[in-house]
Amino acid sequence: MSNPFSYAGKRVVVSGAATGVGAALLELLADLGGPEVTVLDVKAPTGPHAVFLETNLADPAAVDVAVAAIDGPVDVLFNNAGVNATAGIPTTIGVNLLAPRRLAEGLLPKLAPGTAVVNTASSAGNNWAGHVAELTELLAIDDWDEAVAWTDAHRHVYESAHSDVYFFSKEAVQLWTLRWSAVARPHGVRVVSVCPAPIDTPLLADFRKTMSDRVIDWNIAQAGGRLMSAREVAMPLAFLGSDAASYISGVNLVVDGGFNAAMVTGQLDYSALS
């Protein structure tokens, strides 16, 4: 009987693999059978891979070039690339939402039945239900530039002391994951996401700028007292992309050390924020 966790003989696409979670994912995939991996990033990865396509994921034309360059069949698309709000609205909404959507739609004909689109979302997007009307309006916009303009014009929806375009983009990814799973189902393709808490990666410095050290450190304290590692995110990503998750679709898997569970059951200690 074959190992359902194995990636041996598979063909995989990973966006954002030069550092952080993507880099950890490359190492993990090598441990899980060494698939043929195509990486899309602005920087060349150092981890195990077969093909590197230099791709600016904030540019729709560059995304289209990458899609055309990828030969099928593809067994898993890992939409992993992401940026913080410090990158600005066009880049943040582009890299975090519009590029994953464009890659998934463009590669769908090349995705073999029984395969998966696995998105790296964020626990920062857990409040998507609070903006479902606005997010649905955004997701209905097919044109890239119009979607960027809409996001810029609707800052009043998501900008506050505790939220910014990063949060909104990840809310959109969570809702898109749920919605697009029904679109992909007739093609035999699963669509899922992993929603991590703060991770020990180079991007954390940007989050400290936008969210403050106090909020980040409080979040870490409430989720077990330590940051999660990039590999601890890569492992659920790899699981959801594997045959072991063959009946899992339309799911946003929260990976946060129990932070969300404590929040919804009223067990968080907010005293450090007062």
C-alpha atoms as a PDB file:
ATOM      1  CA  MET A   1       0.000   0.000   0.000  1.00  0.00           C
ATOM      2  CA  SER A   2       1.365   3.421  -0.961  1.00  0.00           C
ATOM      3  CA  ASN A   3       2.150   6.034   1.679  1.00  0.00           C
ATOM      4  CA  PRO A   4      -0.634   8.670   1.537  1.00  0.00           C
ATOM      5  CA  PHE A   5       1.697  11.272   3.066  1.00  0.00           C
ATOM      6  CA  SER A   6       4.366  10.803   0.380  1.00  0.00           C
ATOM      7  CA  TYR A   7       5.108  13.342  -2.339  1.00  0.00           C
ATOM      8  CA  ALA A   8       7.308  10.978  -4.336  1.00  0.00           C
ATOM      9  CA  GLY A   9       6.703  11.341  -8.068  1.00  0.00           C
ATOM     10  CA  LYS A  10       4.478  14.402  -7.679  1.00  0.00           C
ATOM     11  CA  ARG A  11       4.753  17.778  -9.374  1.00  0.00           C
ATOM     12  CA  VAL A  12       4.269  20.758  -7.075  1.00  0.00           C
ATOM     13  CA  VAL A  13       4.166  24.554  -7.433  1.00  0.00           C
ATOM     14  CA  VAL A  14       5.123  26.729  -4.458  1.00  0.00           C
ATOM     15  CA  SER A  15       4.884  30.513  -4.402  1.00  0.00           C
ATOM     16  CA  GLY A  16       7.086  32.422  -1.959  1.00  0.00           C
ATOM     17  CA  ALA A  17       9.758  29.841  -1.113  1.00  0.00           C
ATOM     18  CA  ALA A  18      12.923  31.908  -0.714  1.00  0.00           C
ATOM     19  CA  THR A  19      12.476  32.415   3.036  1.00  0.00           C
ATOM     20  CA  GLY A  20      10.196  31.612   5.949  1.00  0.00           C
ATOM     21  CA  VAL A  21       7.404  29.085   5.620  1.00  0.00           C
ATOM     22  CA  GLY A  22       8.053  28.482   1.943  1.00  0.00           C
ATOM     23  CA  ALA A  23      11.692  27.653   2.551  1.00  0.00           C
ATOM     24  CA  ALA A  24      10.691  25.258   5.335  1.00  0.00           C
ATOM     25  CA  LEU A  25       8.124  23.691   3.029  1.00  0.00           C
ATOM     26  CA  LEU A  26      10.793  22.957   0.394  1.00  0.00           C
ATOM     27  CA  GLU A  27      12.899  21.124   2.979  1.00  0.00           C
ATOM     28  CA  LEU A  28       9.892  19.210   4.277  1.00  0.00           C
ATOM     29  CA  LEU A  29       8.757  18.152   0.796  1.00  0.00           C
ATOM     30  CA  ALA A  30      12.247  16.820   0.149  1.00  0.00           C
ATOM     31  CA  ASP A  31      11.908  14.724   3.311  1.00  0.00           C
ATOM     32  CA  LEU A  32       8.495  13.481   2.128  1.00  0.00           C
ATOM     33  CA  GLY A  33       9.655  11.948  -1.115  1.00  0.00           C
ATOM     34  CA  GLY A  34      11.226  14.763  -3.094  1.00  0.00           C
ATOM     35  CA  PRO A  35       8.597  15.899  -5.619  1.00  0.00           C
ATOM     36  CA  GLU A  36       9.448  17.991  -8.674  1.00  0.00           C
ATOM     37  CA  VAL A  37       8.976  21.527  -7.325  1.00  0.00           C
ATOM     38  CA  THR A  38       8.528  24.727  -9.308  1.00  0.00           C
ATOM     39  CA  VAL A  39       9.060  27.873  -7.251  1.00  0.00           C
ATOM     40  CA  LEU A  40       7.542  31.287  -8.006  1.00  0.00           C
ATOM     41  CA  ASP A  41       9.245  34.143  -6.157  1.00  0.00           C
ATOM     42  CA  VAL A  42      11.086  37.418  -6.660  1.00  0.00           C
ATOM     43  CA  LYS A  43      14.151  35.860  -5.035  1.00  0.00           C
ATOM     44  CA  ALA A  44      15.771  32.528  -5.857  1.00  0.00           C
ATOM     45  CA  PRO A  45      15.219  29.845  -3.206  1.00  0.00           C
ATOM     46  CA  THR A  46      18.099  27.931  -1.650  1.00  0.00           C
ATOM     47  CA  GLY A  47      16.012  24.895  -0.707  1.00  0.00           C
ATOM     48  CA  PRO A  48      15.428  21.806  -2.867  1.00  0.00           C
ATOM     49  CA  HIS A  49      13.577  22.592  -6.096  1.00  0.00           C
ATOM     50  CA  ALA A  50      13.657  21.723  -9.786  1.00  0.00           C
ATOM     51  CA  VAL A  51      12.557  24.981 -11.447  1.00  0.00           C
ATOM     52  CA  PHE A  52      12.692  28.612 -10.366  1.00  0.00           C
ATOM     53  CA  LEU A  53      10.500  31.135 -12.173  1.00  0.00           C
ATOM     54  CA  GLU A  54      11.348  34.669 -11.106  1.00  0.00           C
ATOM     55  CA  THR A  55       7.891  36.126 -10.595  1.00  0.00           C
ATOM     56  CA  ASN A  56       6.640  39.406  -9.191  1.00  0.00           C
ATOM     57  CA  LEU A  57       3.388  38.241  -7.629  1.00  0.00           C
ATOM     58  CA  ALA A  58       2.183  41.844  -7.340  1.00  0.00           C
ATOM     59  CA  ASP A  59       2.087  42.044 -11.165  1.00  0.00           C
ATOM     60  CA  PRO A  60      -0.782  40.259 -12.975  1.00  0.00           C
ATOM     61  CA  ALA A  61       1.199  40.060 -16.213  1.00  0.00           C
ATOM     62  CA  ALA A  62       4.047  38.305 -14.399  1.00  0.00           C
ATOM     63  CA  VAL A  63       1.591  35.851 -12.843  1.00  0.00           C
ATOM     64  CA  ASP A  64       0.190  35.067 -16.296  1.00  0.00           C
ATOM     65  CA  VAL A  65       3.703  34.459 -17.660  1.00  0.00           C
ATOM     66  CA  ALA A  66       4.365  32.019 -14.817  1.00  0.00           C
ATOM     67  CA  VAL A  67       1.111  30.160 -15.423  1.00  0.00           C
ATOM     68  CA  ALA A  68       1.960  29.769 -19.106  1.00  0.00           C
ATOM     69  CA  ALA A  69       5.456  28.500 -18.257  1.00  0.00           C
ATOM     70  CA  ILE A  70       4.244  25.731 -15.941  1.00  0.00           C
ATOM     71  CA  ASP A  71       3.644  22.439 -17.696  1.00  0.00           C
ATOM     72  CA  GLY A  72       0.894  20.170 -16.455  1.00  0.00           C
ATOM     73  CA  PRO A  73      -0.126  18.075 -14.799  1.00  0.00           C
ATOM     74  CA  VAL A  74       0.368  19.742 -11.420  1.00  0.00           C
ATOM     75  CA  ASP A  75      -0.475  17.776  -8.286  1.00  0.00           C
ATOM     76  CA  VAL A  76      -0.465  20.574  -5.683  1.00  0.00           C
ATOM     77  CA  LEU A  77      -0.422  24.367  -5.843  1.00  0.00           C
ATOM     78  CA  PHE A  78       0.844  25.903  -2.611  1.00  0.00           C
ATOM     79  CA  ASN A  79      -0.199  29.570  -2.622  1.00  0.00           C
ATOM     80  CA  ASN A  80       2.242  30.530   0.113  1.00  0.00           C
ATOM     81  CA  ALA A  81       3.655  33.963  -0.789  1.00  0.00           C
ATOM     82  CA  GLY A  82       2.541  36.802   1.453  1.00  0.00           C
ATOM     83  CA  VAL A  83       3.427  40.331   2.514  1.00  0.00           C
ATOM     84  CA  ASN A  84       2.426  42.622   5.365  1.00  0.00           C
ATOM     85  CA  ALA A  85       0.553  45.933   5.154  1.00  0.00           C
ATOM     86  CA  THR A  86       3.892  47.780   5.153  1.00  0.00           C
ATOM     87  CA  ALA A  87       4.123  46.833   1.452  1.00  0.00           C
ATOM     88  CA  GLY A  88       1.161  49.114   0.651  1.00  0.00           C
ATOM     89  CA  ILE A  89      -2.374  48.344  -0.477  1.00  0.00           C
ATOM     90  CA  PRO A  90      -1.705  47.401  -4.137  1.00  0.00           C
ATOM     91  CA  THR A  91       1.080  44.962  -3.254  1.00  0.00           C
ATOM     92  CA  THR A  92      -0.601  43.538  -0.156  1.00  0.00           C
ATOM     93  CA  ILE A  93      -3.941  42.773  -1.792  1.00  0.00           C
ATOM     94  CA  GLY A  94      -2.139  41.688  -4.957  1.00  0.00           C
ATOM     95  CA  VAL A  95       0.305  39.216  -3.425  1.00  0.00           C
ATOM     96  CA  ASN A  96      -1.996  37.960  -0.660  1.00  0.00           C
ATOM     97  CA  LEU A  97      -5.253  37.544  -2.604  1.00  0.00           C
ATOM     98  CA  LEU A  98      -5.229  38.400  -6.291  1.00  0.00           C
ATOM     99  CA  ALA A  99      -2.123  36.390  -7.200  1.00  0.00           C
ATOM    100  CA  PRO A 100      -3.288  33.192  -5.438  1.00  0.00           C
ATOM    101  CA  ARG A 101      -6.675  33.490  -7.134  1.00  0.00           C
ATOM    102  CA  ARG A 102      -5.118  34.137 -10.542  1.00  0.00           C
ATOM    103  CA  LEU A 103      -2.679  31.243 -10.144  1.00  0.00           C
ATOM    104  CA  ALA A 104      -5.427  28.845  -9.088  1.00  0.00           C
ATOM    105  CA  GLU A 105      -7.741  29.878 -11.913  1.00  0.00           C
ATOM    106  CA  GLY A 106      -4.945  29.813 -14.487  1.00  0.00           C
ATOM    107  CA  LEU A 107      -3.564  26.456 -13.399  1.00  0.00           C
ATOM    108  CA  LEU A 108      -6.916  24.742 -12.865  1.00  0.00           C
ATOM    109  CA  PRO A 109      -6.842  23.063 -16.305  1.00  0.00           C
ATOM    110  CA  LYS A 110      -3.377  21.717 -15.416  1.00  0.00           C
ATOM    111  CA  LEU A 111      -4.379  20.405 -11.977  1.00  0.00           C
ATOM    112  CA  ALA A 112      -4.954  16.677 -12.119  1.00  0.00           C
ATOM    113  CA  PRO A 113      -8.134  15.268 -10.548  1.00  0.00           C
ATOM    114  CA  GLY A 114      -7.569  14.408  -6.899  1.00  0.00           C
ATOM    115  CA  THR A 115      -5.116  17.243  -6.319  1.00  0.00           C
ATOM    116  CA  ALA A 116      -5.217  20.386  -4.209  1.00  0.00           C
ATOM    117  CA  VAL A 117      -4.824  24.136  -3.945  1.00  0.00           C
ATOM    118  CA  VAL A 118      -3.405  24.890  -0.496  1.00  0.00           C
ATOM    119  CA  ASN A 119      -3.409  28.537   0.595  1.00  0.00           C
ATOM    120  CA  THR A 120      -1.334  30.055   3.381  1.00  0.00           C
ATOM    121  CA  ALA A 121      -3.901  32.365   4.970  1.00  0.00           C
ATOM    122  CA  SER A 122      -3.635  33.710   8.530  1.00  0.00           C
ATOM    123  CA  SER A 123      -5.454  33.738  11.828  1.00  0.00           C
ATOM    124  CA  ALA A 124      -5.576  37.498  11.209  1.00  0.00           C
ATOM    125  CA  GLY A 125      -8.354  36.678   8.748  1.00  0.00           C
ATOM    126  CA  ASN A 126     -10.566  34.844  11.235  1.00  0.00           C
ATOM    127  CA  ASN A 127     -13.038  37.745  11.358  1.00  0.00           C
ATOM    128  CA  TRP A 128     -14.058  37.340   7.717  1.00  0.00           C
ATOM    129  CA  ALA A 129     -17.698  36.803   8.682  1.00  0.00           C
ATOM    130  CA  GLY A 130     -17.787  40.355  10.030  1.00  0.00           C
ATOM    131  CA  HIS A 131     -17.011  41.713   6.548  1.00  0.00           C
ATOM    132  CA  VAL A 132     -18.708  39.061   4.437  1.00  0.00           C
ATOM    133  CA  ALA A 133     -20.790  41.519   2.401  1.00  0.00           C
ATOM    134  CA  GLU A 134     -17.797  43.673   1.486  1.00  0.00           C
ATOM    135  CA  LEU A 135     -15.546  40.679   0.875  1.00  0.00           C
ATOM    136  CA  THR A 136     -18.155  39.121  -1.401  1.00  0.00           C
ATOM    137  CA  GLU A 137     -18.270  42.367  -3.363  1.00  0.00           C
ATOM    138  CA  LEU A 138     -14.482  42.356  -3.701  1.00  0.00           C
ATOM    139  CA  LEU A 139     -14.325  38.694  -4.742  1.00  0.00           C
ATOM    140  CA  ALA A 140     -16.889  39.386  -7.476  1.00  0.00           C
ATOM    141  CA  ILE A 141     -14.408  41.724  -9.197  1.00  0.00           C
ATOM    142  CA  ASP A 142     -12.430  39.796 -11.797  1.00  0.00           C
ATOM    143  CA  ASP A 143     -10.229  42.637 -13.039  1.00  0.00           C
ATOM    144  CA  TRP A 144      -6.988  42.984 -11.043  1.00  0.00           C
ATOM    145  CA  ASP A 145      -6.709  46.780 -11.222  1.00  0.00           C
ATOM    146  CA  GLU A 146     -10.386  47.245 -10.355  1.00  0.00           C
ATOM    147  CA  ALA A 147      -9.958  44.988  -7.318  1.00  0.00           C
ATOM    148  CA  VAL A 148      -6.971  47.040  -6.143  1.00  0.00           C
ATOM    149  CA  ALA A 149      -8.904  50.281  -6.655  1.00  0.00           C
ATOM    150  CA  TRP A 150     -11.908  48.880  -4.757  1.00  0.00           C
ATOM    151  CA  THR A 151      -9.672  47.873  -1.838  1.00  0.00           C
ATOM    152  CA  ASP A 152      -8.106  51.321  -1.705  1.00  0.00           C
ATOM    153  CA  ALA A 153     -11.502  53.044  -1.851  1.00  0.00           C
ATOM    154  CA  HIS A 154     -12.923  50.913   0.973  1.00  0.00           C
ATOM    155  CA  ARG A 155     -10.298  51.564   3.634  1.00  0.00           C
ATOM    156  CA  HIS A 156     -13.094  52.624   5.974  1.00  0.00           C
ATOM    157  CA  VAL A 157     -14.289  49.015   6.014  1.00  0.00           C
ATOM    158  CA  TYR A 158     -11.119  47.494   7.422  1.00  0.00           C
ATOM    159  CA  GLU A 159      -8.721  50.153   8.727  1.00  0.00           C
ATOM    160  CA  SER A 160      -8.744  50.618  12.505  1.00  0.00           C
ATOM    161  CA  ALA A 161      -6.427  50.506  15.482  1.00  0.00           C
ATOM    162  CA  HIS A 162      -6.580  46.710  15.320  1.00  0.00           C
ATOM    163  CA  SER A 163      -6.889  46.022  11.592  1.00  0.00           C
ATOM    164  CA  ASP A 164      -5.360  46.966   8.255  1.00  0.00           C
ATOM    165  CA  VAL A 165      -5.231  45.766   4.652  1.00  0.00           C
ATOM    166  CA  TYR A 166      -3.229  42.689   5.684  1.00  0.00           C
ATOM    167  CA  PHE A 167      -6.061  41.524   7.940  1.00  0.00           C
ATOM    168  CA  PHE A 168      -8.601  42.255   5.207  1.00  0.00           C
ATOM    169  CA  SER A 169      -6.579  40.428   2.554  1.00  0.00           C
ATOM    170  CA  LYS A 170      -6.374  37.336   4.736  1.00  0.00           C
ATOM    171  CA  GLU A 171     -10.098  37.529   5.492  1.00  0.00           C
ATOM    172  CA  ALA A 172     -10.597  37.527   1.737  1.00  0.00           C
ATOM    173  CA  VAL A 173      -8.356  34.485   1.339  1.00  0.00           C
ATOM    174  CA  GLN A 174     -10.339  32.565   3.942  1.00  0.00           C
ATOM    175  CA  LEU A 175     -13.664  33.377   2.290  1.00  0.00           C
ATOM    176  CA  TRP A 176     -12.283  32.718  -1.204  1.00  0.00           C
ATOM    177  CA  THR A 177     -11.013  29.313  -0.010  1.00  0.00           C
ATOM    178  CA  LEU A 178     -14.526  28.401   1.124  1.00  0.00           C
ATOM    179  CA  ARG A 179     -16.224  29.739  -1.988  1.00  0.00           C
ATOM    180  CA  TRP A 180     -13.783  28.432  -4.583  1.00  0.00           C
ATOM    181  CA  SER A 181     -13.796  24.921  -3.151  1.00  0.00           C
ATOM    182  CA  ALA A 182     -17.253  24.518  -4.728  1.00  0.00           C
ATOM    183  CA  VAL A 183     -15.959  25.814  -8.073  1.00  0.00           C
ATOM    184  CA  ALA A 184     -13.001  23.425  -8.080  1.00  0.00           C
ATOM    185  CA  ARG A 185     -14.932  20.389  -6.850  1.00  0.00           C
ATOM    186  CA  PRO A 186     -16.296  19.352 -10.283  1.00  0.00           C
ATOM    187  CA  HIS A 187     -12.680  19.289 -11.507  1.00  0.00           C
ATOM    188  CA  GLY A 188     -11.726  16.901  -8.705  1.00  0.00           C
ATOM    189  CA  VAL A 189      -9.592  19.582  -7.039  1.00  0.00           C
ATOM    190  CA  ARG A 190      -9.616  20.340  -3.304  1.00  0.00           C
ATOM    191  CA  VAL A 191      -9.171  23.892  -1.950  1.00  0.00           C
ATOM    192  CA  VAL A 192      -8.016  24.456   1.631  1.00  0.00           C
ATOM    193  CA  SER A 193      -6.046  26.936   3.727  1.00  0.00           C
ATOM    194  CA  VAL A 194      -3.839  27.010   6.804  1.00  0.00           C
ATOM    195  CA  CYS A 195      -4.309  30.016   9.105  1.00  0.00           C
ATOM    196  CA  PRO A 196      -1.265  30.435  11.347  1.00  0.00           C
ATOM    197  CA  ALA A 197      -0.644  32.747  14.276  1.00  0.00           C
ATOM    198  CA  PRO A 198       2.574  34.849  14.388  1.00  0.00           C
ATOM    199  CA  ILE A 199       5.505  32.839  13.022  1.00  0.00           C
ATOM    200  CA  ASP A 200       9.222  33.077  13.664  1.00  0.00           C
ATOM    201  CA  THR A 201      10.151  34.322  10.191  1.00  0.00           C
ATOM    202  CA  PRO A 202      11.737  37.515   8.791  1.00  0.00           C
ATOM    203  CA  LEU A 203       8.233  38.901   8.172  1.00  0.00           C
ATOM    204  CA  LEU A 204       7.626  39.148  11.932  1.00  0.00           C
ATOM    205  CA  ALA A 205       9.594  42.409  12.072  1.00  0.00           C
ATOM    206  CA  ASP A 206       7.033  44.026   9.756  1.00  0.00           C
ATOM    207  CA  PHE A 207       4.164  42.813  11.925  1.00  0.00           C
ATOM    208  CA  ARG A 208       5.799  44.364  14.964  1.00  0.00           C
ATOM    209  CA  LYS A 209       5.794  47.679  13.086  1.00  0.00           C
ATOM    210  CA  THR A 210       2.090  47.526  12.233  1.00  0.00           C
ATOM    211  CA  MET A 211       0.697  45.673  15.259  1.00  0.00           C
ATOM    212  CA  SER A 212       3.223  46.821  17.940  1.00  0.00           C
ATOM    213  CA  ASP A 213       5.502  44.721  20.125  1.00  0.00           C
ATOM    214  CA  ARG A 214       2.907  44.737  22.912  1.00  0.00           C
ATOM    215  CA  VAL A 215       0.180  43.110  20.823  1.00  0.00           C
ATOM    216  CA  ILE A 216       2.509  40.577  19.204  1.00  0.00           C
ATOM    217  CA  ASP A 217       4.082  39.596  22.538  1.00  0.00           C
ATOM    218  CA  TRP A 218       0.641  39.307  24.156  1.00  0.00           C
ATOM    219  CA  ASN A 219      -0.522  37.065  21.317  1.00  0.00           C
ATOM    220  CA  ILE A 220       2.531  34.859  21.748  1.00  0.00           C
ATOM    221  CA  ALA A 221       1.996  34.643  25.508  1.00  0.00           C
ATOM    222  CA  GLN A 222      -1.635  33.619  25.072  1.00  0.00           C
ATOM    223  CA  ALA A 223      -0.725  30.879  22.571  1.00  0.00           C
ATOM    224  CA  GLY A 224       1.740  28.938  24.706  1.00  0.00           C
ATOM    225  CA  GLY A 225       4.528  31.392  25.346  1.00  0.00           C
ATOM    226  CA  ARG A 226       6.552  30.923  22.178  1.00  0.00           C
ATOM    227  CA  LEU A 227       6.430  31.674  18.485  1.00  0.00           C
ATOM    228  CA  MET A 228       5.569  28.850  16.143  1.00  0.00           C
ATOM    229  CA  SER A 229       8.322  27.825  13.763  1.00  0.00           C
ATOM    230  CA  ALA A 230       8.121  27.951   9.983  1.00  0.00           C
ATOM    231  CA  ARG A 231       8.272  24.146   9.899  1.00  0.00           C
ATOM    232  CA  GLU A 232       5.247  23.959  12.221  1.00  0.00           C
ATOM    233  CA  VAL A 233       3.292  25.763   9.498  1.00  0.00           C
ATOM    234  CA  ALA A 234       4.863  23.770   6.672  1.00  0.00           C
ATOM    235  CA  MET A 235       3.750  20.470   8.208  1.00  0.00           C
ATOM    236  CA  PRO A 236      -0.026  21.126   8.087  1.00  0.00           C
ATOM    237  CA  LEU A 237       0.418  22.650   4.618  1.00  0.00           C
ATOM    238  CA  ALA A 238       2.090  19.464   3.431  1.00  0.00           C
ATOM    239  CA  PHE A 239      -0.558  17.308   5.095  1.00  0.00           C
ATOM    240  CA  LEU A 240      -3.428  19.166   3.420  1.00  0.00           C
ATOM    241  CA  GLY A 241      -1.734  18.867   0.038  1.00  0.00           C
ATOM    242  CA  SER A 242      -1.130  15.142   0.423  1.00  0.00           C
ATOM    243  CA  ASP A 243      -3.333  12.175  -0.424  1.00  0.00           C
ATOM    244  CA  ALA A 244      -3.827  11.716   3.328  1.00  0.00           C
ATOM    245  CA  ALA A 245      -6.213  14.698   3.176  1.00  0.00           C
ATOM    246  CA  SER A 246      -8.068  13.417   0.111  1.00  0.00           C
ATOM    247  CA  TYR A 247     -11.562  14.223   1.468  1.00  0.00           C
ATOM    248  CA  ILE A 248     -10.710  17.557   3.095  1.00  0.00           C
ATOM    249  CA  SER A 249     -11.834  20.619   1.135  1.00  0.00           C
ATOM    250  CA  GLY A 250     -13.375  24.001   1.864  1.00  0.00           C
ATOM    251  CA  VAL A 251     -11.588  24.201   5.215  1.00  0.00           C
ATOM    252  CA  ASN A 252      -9.608  27.011   6.857  1.00  0.00           C
ATOM    253  CA  LEU A 253      -7.392  25.175   9.349  1.00  0.00           C
ATOM    254  CA  VAL A 254      -6.426  27.456  12.241  1.00  0.00           C
ATOM    255  CA  VAL A 255      -2.925  26.672  13.542  1.00  0.00           C
ATOM    256  CA  ASP A 256      -2.376  28.985  16.493  1.00  0.00           C
ATOM    257  CA  GLY A 257      -1.543  26.987  19.616  1.00  0.00           C
ATOM    258  CA  GLY A 258      -5.126  27.240  20.860  1.00  0.00           C
ATOM    259  CA  PHE A 259      -5.355  31.062  20.810  1.00  0.00           C
ATOM    260  CA  ASN A 260      -8.655  31.167  18.899  1.00  0.00           C
ATOM    261  CA  ALA A 261     -10.145  28.441  21.076  1.00  0.00           C
ATOM    262  CA  ALA A 262      -9.309  30.437  24.185  1.00  0.00           C
ATOM    263  CA  MET A 263     -10.773  33.587  22.643  1.00  0.00           C
ATOM    264  CA  VAL A 264     -14.139  32.123  21.650  1.00  0.00           C
ATOM    265  CA  THR A 265     -14.522  30.423  25.036  1.00  0.00           C
ATOM    266  CA  GLY A 266     -13.682  33.581  26.991  1.00  0.00           C
ATOM    267  CA  GLN A 267     -10.409  32.332  28.460  1.00  0.00           C
ATOM    268  CA  LEU A 268      -7.937  34.940  27.176  1.00  0.00           C
ATOM    269  CA  ASP A 269      -6.204  37.228  29.645  1.00  0.00           C
ATOM    270  CA  TYR A 270      -6.434  40.779  28.281  1.00  0.00           C
ATOM    271  CA  SER A 271      -4.832  42.459  31.289  1.00  0.00           C
ATOM    272  CA  ALA A 272      -1.516  43.007  29.513  1.00  0.00           C
ATOM    273  CA  LEU A 273      -3.288  45.080  26.864  1.00  0.00           C
ATOM    274  CA  SER A 274      -5.072  47.414  29.268  1.00  0.00           C
END
